[in-house]
Amino acid sequence: MLDEALIEQLNRGYVCPPDAGPAWRAACDYGFDMSLVDEALLMTPEQRIAQHQHALNLLLEIEAARELNDADRSR
């Protein structure tokens, strides 16, 4: 369940850490969602590969379903 502190943090958005380097700060100021980079850096390379593979598999399933649907419509 969401508590008030978490809701406030989500509404506030990403806060660039004060010790961030110039490239990190520039990306943050430009509008990149650096929380996604933070999250990715917490994972091992194997975990990141598994996450990407899962996303790719989902995309391939969606594409196959779309092709099947298109084939059914053309009959």
Protein backbone atom coordinates (compact mmCIF):
# COMPACT_ATOMS: atom_id res chain seq x y z
CA MET A 1 0.00 0.00 0.00
CA LEU A 2 1.22 3.50 -0.76
CA ASP A 3 1.88 5.73 2.20
CA GLU A 4 1.93 9.53 2.11
CA ALA A 5 5.75 9.75 2.03
CA LEU A 6 5.98 7.49 -1.03
CA ILE A 7 3.21 9.37 -2.81
CA GLU A 8 5.00 12.66 -2.10
CA GLN A 9 8.29 11.24 -3.40
CA LEU A 10 6.62 9.98 -6.59
CA ASN A 11 4.95 13.34 -7.15
CA ARG A 12 8.23 15.19 -6.57
CA GLY A 13 10.04 13.10 -9.16
CA TYR A 14 13.70 12.29 -9.45
CA VAL A 15 16.05 14.47 -7.44
CA CYS A 16 19.56 14.66 -8.82
CA PRO A 17 22.05 13.73 -6.09
CA PRO A 18 24.21 16.61 -4.88
CA ASP A 19 27.40 14.66 -5.60
CA ALA A 20 26.42 13.90 -9.22
CA GLY A 21 29.07 14.56 -11.82
CA PRO A 22 28.66 17.11 -14.59
CA ALA A 23 27.50 14.60 -17.22
CA TRP A 24 24.93 13.08 -14.84
CA ARG A 25 23.69 16.54 -13.83
CA ALA A 26 23.49 17.66 -17.50
CA ALA A 27 21.43 14.58 -18.40
CA CYS A 28 19.15 15.17 -15.42
CA ASP A 29 18.76 18.88 -16.27
CA TYR A 30 17.99 17.97 -19.89
CA GLY A 31 15.09 15.83 -18.67
CA PHE A 32 16.36 12.28 -18.83
CA ASP A 33 14.78 9.97 -16.24
CA MET A 34 17.98 9.14 -14.40
CA SER A 35 16.05 6.97 -11.94
CA LEU A 36 15.96 4.35 -14.71
CA VAL A 37 19.76 4.49 -14.96
CA ASP A 38 20.03 4.27 -11.17
CA GLU A 39 17.79 1.19 -11.20
CA ALA A 40 19.75 -0.47 -14.01
CA LEU A 41 23.04 0.13 -12.22
CA LEU A 42 21.73 -1.76 -9.19
CA MET A 43 21.35 -4.89 -11.33
CA THR A 44 24.08 -7.26 -12.41
CA PRO A 45 24.82 -7.54 -16.14
CA GLU A 46 23.08 -10.92 -16.11
CA GLN A 47 19.96 -9.40 -14.55
CA ARG A 48 19.92 -6.60 -17.14
CA ILE A 49 20.29 -9.13 -19.97
CA ALA A 50 17.44 -11.21 -18.52
CA GLN A 51 15.24 -8.11 -18.29
CA HIS A 52 15.99 -7.17 -21.89
CA GLN A 53 15.35 -10.75 -23.05
CA HIS A 54 11.99 -10.74 -21.26
CA ALA A 55 11.04 -7.48 -23.01
CA LEU A 56 12.19 -8.86 -26.37
CA ASN A 57 10.19 -12.06 -25.88
CA LEU A 58 7.09 -10.02 -25.05
CA LEU A 59 7.57 -7.88 -28.15
CA LEU A 60 7.97 -10.98 -30.34
CA GLU A 61 4.76 -12.45 -28.88
CA ILE A 62 2.88 -9.23 -29.60
CA GLU A 63 4.23 -9.13 -33.15
CA ALA A 64 3.22 -12.77 -33.74
CA ALA A 65 -0.28 -12.07 -32.41
CA ARG A 66 -0.57 -9.03 -34.68
CA GLU A 67 0.49 -11.04 -37.72
CA LEU A 68 -2.01 -13.77 -36.83
CA ASN A 69 -4.74 -11.17 -36.45
CA ASP A 70 -3.83 -9.59 -39.80
CA ALA A 71 -3.94 -13.03 -41.47
CA ASP A 72 -7.38 -13.75 -39.94
CA ARG A 73 -8.72 -10.44 -41.25
CA SER A 74 -7.55 -11.10 -44.80
CA ARG A 75 -9.52 -14.38 -45.03
